[in-house]
C-alpha atoms as a PDB file:
ATOM      1  CA  MET A   1     -48.123  26.258  13.076  1.00  0.00           C
ATOM      2  CA  ALA A   2     -49.042  24.669   9.767  1.00  0.00           C
ATOM      3  CA  GLU A   3     -47.198  21.904   8.550  1.00  0.00           C
ATOM      4  CA  HIS A   4     -44.626  22.460   5.690  1.00  0.00           C
ATOM      5  CA  ARG A   5     -46.168  21.820   2.307  1.00  0.00           C
ATOM      6  CA  ILE A   6     -43.072  19.657   1.233  1.00  0.00           C
ATOM      7  CA  PHE A   7     -44.545  16.854   3.415  1.00  0.00           C
ATOM      8  CA  THR A   8     -47.521  16.487   1.146  1.00  0.00           C
ATOM      9  CA  THR A   9     -45.597  16.807  -2.020  1.00  0.00           C
ATOM     10  CA  ALA A  10     -45.719  13.814  -4.124  1.00  0.00           C
ATOM     11  CA  PHE A  11     -42.275  11.978  -4.617  1.00  0.00           C
ATOM     12  CA  ALA A  12     -43.476  11.857  -8.262  1.00  0.00           C
ATOM     13  CA  ASP A  13     -43.353  15.581  -8.361  1.00  0.00           C
ATOM     14  CA  ILE A  14     -39.819  15.893  -7.010  1.00  0.00           C
ATOM     15  CA  TYR A  15     -38.149  12.709  -8.865  1.00  0.00           C
ATOM     16  CA  PRO A  16     -38.008  14.244 -12.384  1.00  0.00           C
ATOM     17  CA  HIS A  17     -36.147  17.089 -10.846  1.00  0.00           C
ATOM     18  CA  TYR A  18     -33.526  15.132  -9.287  1.00  0.00           C
ATOM     19  CA  VAL A  19     -33.072  13.044 -12.468  1.00  0.00           C
ATOM     20  CA  ALA A  20     -32.727  16.149 -14.608  1.00  0.00           C
ATOM     21  CA  LYS A  21     -30.239  17.510 -12.110  1.00  0.00           C
ATOM     22  CA  VAL A  22     -27.815  14.958 -11.834  1.00  0.00           C
ATOM     23  CA  THR A  23     -28.094  14.024 -15.655  1.00  0.00           C
ATOM     24  CA  ARG A  24     -27.338  17.555 -16.442  1.00  0.00           C
ATOM     25  CA  LYS A  25     -24.190  17.271 -14.491  1.00  0.00           C
ATOM     26  CA  GLY A  26     -23.131  14.059 -16.235  1.00  0.00           C
ATOM     27  CA  ARG A  27     -24.359  11.450 -13.738  1.00  0.00           C
ATOM     28  CA  SER A  28     -26.959   8.766 -14.330  1.00  0.00           C
ATOM     29  CA  GLU A  29     -30.426   7.906 -13.363  1.00  0.00           C
ATOM     30  CA  GLU A  30     -28.980   4.665 -12.301  1.00  0.00           C
ATOM     31  CA  GLU A  31     -26.634   6.314  -9.735  1.00  0.00           C
ATOM     32  CA  LEU A  32     -29.394   8.483  -8.424  1.00  0.00           C
ATOM     33  CA  VAL A  33     -31.486   5.255  -7.771  1.00  0.00           C
ATOM     34  CA  THR A  34     -28.582   3.674  -6.076  1.00  0.00           C
ATOM     35  CA  VAL A  35     -28.278   6.783  -3.713  1.00  0.00           C
ATOM     36  CA  ILE A  36     -32.101   6.837  -2.974  1.00  0.00           C
ATOM     37  CA  GLU A  37     -32.122   2.877  -2.401  1.00  0.00           C
ATOM     38  CA  TRP A  38     -29.037   3.519   0.073  1.00  0.00           C
ATOM     39  CA  LEU A  39     -31.018   6.035   2.004  1.00  0.00           C
ATOM     40  CA  THR A  40     -34.531   4.395   2.135  1.00  0.00           C
ATOM     41  CA  GLY A  41     -34.215   0.724   1.446  1.00  0.00           C
ATOM     42  CA  TYR A  42     -36.555   1.222  -1.601  1.00  0.00           C
ATOM     43  CA  ASP A  43     -35.441  -1.064  -4.629  1.00  0.00           C
ATOM     44  CA  GLU A  44     -35.784   0.381  -8.018  1.00  0.00           C
ATOM     45  CA  ALA A  45     -39.012  -1.455  -8.695  1.00  0.00           C
ATOM     46  CA  ALA A  46     -40.684  -0.091  -5.419  1.00  0.00           C
ATOM     47  CA  LEU A  47     -39.375   3.448  -6.396  1.00  0.00           C
ATOM     48  CA  ARG A  48     -41.140   3.034  -9.762  1.00  0.00           C
ATOM     49  CA  ARG A  49     -44.316   1.992  -7.819  1.00  0.00           C
ATOM     50  CA  VAL A  50     -43.860   4.909  -5.450  1.00  0.00           C
ATOM     51  CA  VAL A  51     -43.876   7.299  -8.338  1.00  0.00           C
ATOM     52  CA  ALA A  52     -46.768   5.680 -10.301  1.00  0.00           C
ATOM     53  CA  ASN A  53     -48.845   5.893  -7.098  1.00  0.00           C
ATOM     54  CA  GLY A  54     -48.241   9.444  -6.280  1.00  0.00           C
ATOM     55  CA  VAL A  55     -46.974   8.787  -2.742  1.00  0.00           C
ATOM     56  CA  ASP A  56     -46.358  11.875  -0.839  1.00  0.00           C
ATOM     57  CA  LEU A  57     -43.190  12.482   0.973  1.00  0.00           C
ATOM     58  CA  ARG A  58     -44.491  12.030   4.378  1.00  0.00           C
ATOM     59  CA  THR A  59     -45.633   8.383   3.177  1.00  0.00           C
ATOM     60  CA  PHE A  60     -42.550   7.775   1.189  1.00  0.00           C
ATOM     61  CA  PHE A  61     -40.430   8.118   4.418  1.00  0.00           C
ATOM     62  CA  ALA A  62     -42.882   6.524   6.729  1.00  0.00           C
ATOM     63  CA  GLU A  63     -43.033   3.237   4.481  1.00  0.00           C
ATOM     64  CA  ALA A  64     -39.319   3.189   3.630  1.00  0.00           C
ATOM     65  CA  PRO A  65     -38.274  -0.447   3.702  1.00  0.00           C
ATOM     66  CA  GLU A  66     -35.216   0.651   6.054  1.00  0.00           C
ATOM     67  CA  LEU A  67     -33.680   4.023   6.763  1.00  0.00           C
ATOM     68  CA  ASN A  68     -29.713   3.465   6.434  1.00  0.00           C
ATOM     69  CA  ALA A  69     -28.252   3.613   9.807  1.00  0.00           C
ATOM     70  CA  ARG A  70     -25.459   5.669   8.278  1.00  0.00           C
ATOM     71  CA  ALA A  71     -27.666   8.348   7.385  1.00  0.00           C
ATOM     72  CA  ALA A  72     -26.815  10.270  10.501  1.00  0.00           C
ATOM     73  CA  LEU A  73     -23.449  11.002   8.783  1.00  0.00           C
ATOM     74  CA  ILE A  74     -24.880  12.899   6.260  1.00  0.00           C
ATOM     75  CA  THR A  75     -23.911  16.786   7.180  1.00  0.00           C
ATOM     76  CA  GLY A  76     -23.708  19.959   5.534  1.00  0.00           C
ATOM     77  CA  VAL A  77     -25.895  22.792   4.527  1.00  0.00           C
ATOM     78  CA  ILE A  78     -29.047  22.633   2.104  1.00  0.00           C
ATOM     79  CA  CYS A  79     -31.439  25.099   1.710  1.00  0.00           C
ATOM     80  CA  GLY A  80     -29.742  27.520   4.138  1.00  0.00           C
ATOM     81  CA  HIS A  81     -30.092  25.019   6.918  1.00  0.00           C
ATOM     82  CA  ARG A  82     -27.461  22.735   8.357  1.00  0.00           C
ATOM     83  CA  VAL A  83     -29.001  18.984   7.923  1.00  0.00           C
ATOM     84  CA  GLU A  84     -27.688  17.726  11.247  1.00  0.00           C
ATOM     85  CA  ASP A  85     -29.250  20.672  12.981  1.00  0.00           C
ATOM     86  CA  ILE A  86     -32.870  19.866  11.774  1.00  0.00           C
ATOM     87  CA  THR A  87     -35.267  18.917  14.725  1.00  0.00           C
ATOM     88  CA  ASP A  88     -38.234  17.645  12.676  1.00  0.00           C
ATOM     89  CA  PRO A  89     -37.400  13.895  11.572  1.00  0.00           C
ATOM     90  CA  LEU A  90     -39.344  14.071   8.376  1.00  0.00           C
ATOM     91  CA  MET A  91     -37.749  17.581   7.196  1.00  0.00           C
ATOM     92  CA  GLN A  92     -34.428  15.975   8.217  1.00  0.00           C
ATOM     93  CA  ARG A  93     -34.921  12.970   6.129  1.00  0.00           C
ATOM     94  CA  ILE A  94     -36.156  15.069   3.379  1.00  0.00           C
ATOM     95  CA  ARG A  95     -33.093  17.285   3.530  1.00  0.00           C
ATOM     96  CA  TRP A  96     -30.823  14.258   3.659  1.00  0.00           C
ATOM     97  CA  MET A  97     -31.967  13.037   0.403  1.00  0.00           C
ATOM     98  CA  ASP A  98     -31.467  16.524  -0.898  1.00  0.00           C
ATOM     99  CA  LYS A  99     -28.061  16.512   0.235  1.00  0.00           C
ATOM    100  CA  LEU A 100     -27.237  13.233  -1.247  1.00  0.00           C
ATOM    101  CA  VAL A 101     -28.658  14.420  -4.706  1.00  0.00           C
ATOM    102  CA  ASP A 102     -26.705  17.624  -4.520  1.00  0.00           C
ATOM    103  CA  GLU A 103     -23.466  15.777  -3.737  1.00  0.00           C
ATOM    104  CA  LEU A 104     -24.211  13.446  -6.796  1.00  0.00           C
ATOM    105  CA  ALA A 105     -24.692  16.249  -9.092  1.00  0.00           C
ATOM    106  CA  ARG A 106     -21.598  17.891  -7.771  1.00  0.00           C
ATOM    107  CA  GLY A 107     -19.566  14.932  -8.921  1.00  0.00           C
ATOM    108  CA  LYS A 108     -18.729  13.382  -5.470  1.00  0.00           C
ATOM    109  CA  LYS A 109     -17.624   9.805  -5.763  1.00  0.00           C
ATOM    110  CA  LEU A 110     -20.419   7.288  -4.836  1.00  0.00           C
ATOM    111  CA  ALA A 111     -18.667   5.686  -2.031  1.00  0.00           C
ATOM    112  CA  SER A 112     -18.157   9.104  -0.408  1.00  0.00           C
ATOM    113  CA  ILE A 113     -21.828   9.762  -1.122  1.00  0.00           C
ATOM    114  CA  LEU A 114     -22.914   6.511   0.494  1.00  0.00           C
ATOM    115  CA  ARG A 115     -20.612   7.486   3.724  1.00  0.00           C
ATOM    116  CA  GLY A 116     -18.182   4.480   2.931  1.00  0.00           C
ATOM    117  CA  SER A 117     -20.732   1.756   2.483  1.00  0.00           C
ATOM    118  CA  ASP A 118     -19.930  -1.378   0.317  1.00  0.00           C
ATOM    119  CA  VAL A 119     -22.432  -0.516  -2.355  1.00  0.00           C
ATOM    120  CA  GLU A 120     -21.406  -1.385  -5.978  1.00  0.00           C
ATOM    121  CA  PRO A 121     -21.774   1.647  -8.429  1.00  0.00           C
ATOM    122  CA  PRO A 122     -24.133   0.892 -11.279  1.00  0.00           C
ATOM    123  CA  SER A 123     -22.066  -1.032 -13.915  1.00  0.00           C
ATOM    124  CA  ALA A 124     -22.834   0.865 -16.957  1.00  0.00           C
ATOM    125  CA  THR A 125     -21.588   4.115 -15.406  1.00  0.00           C
ATOM    126  CA  PRO A 126     -17.963   5.145 -14.744  1.00  0.00           C
ATOM    127  CA  ALA A 127     -17.317   5.872 -10.841  1.00  0.00           C
END
């Protein structure tokens, strides 16, 4: 079976869609960065480098500084599939990120999106 094409898609190709989605719904790019940082361990500077270098999603997750241990608490449906039932680890990580972005865009509180973690929300953005 051929590998899913999303694995070779550049993070830089999807990031602007994430930004547009959350900002259209009244959330900030800073909140988006916070969510991605929480999941992957990338800081803002590292995310900018990943975007600038055209890193694909396979490499993005393979080189993630530290996948959050609480990521397994991410549940629900994304793209018609329950994220907790996805068996391919890379696809599950990609869908976890999609799910977090969806929750942010839907207006869920940042503390809830980050599964109760003690992460400070961006100071310029109301919670």
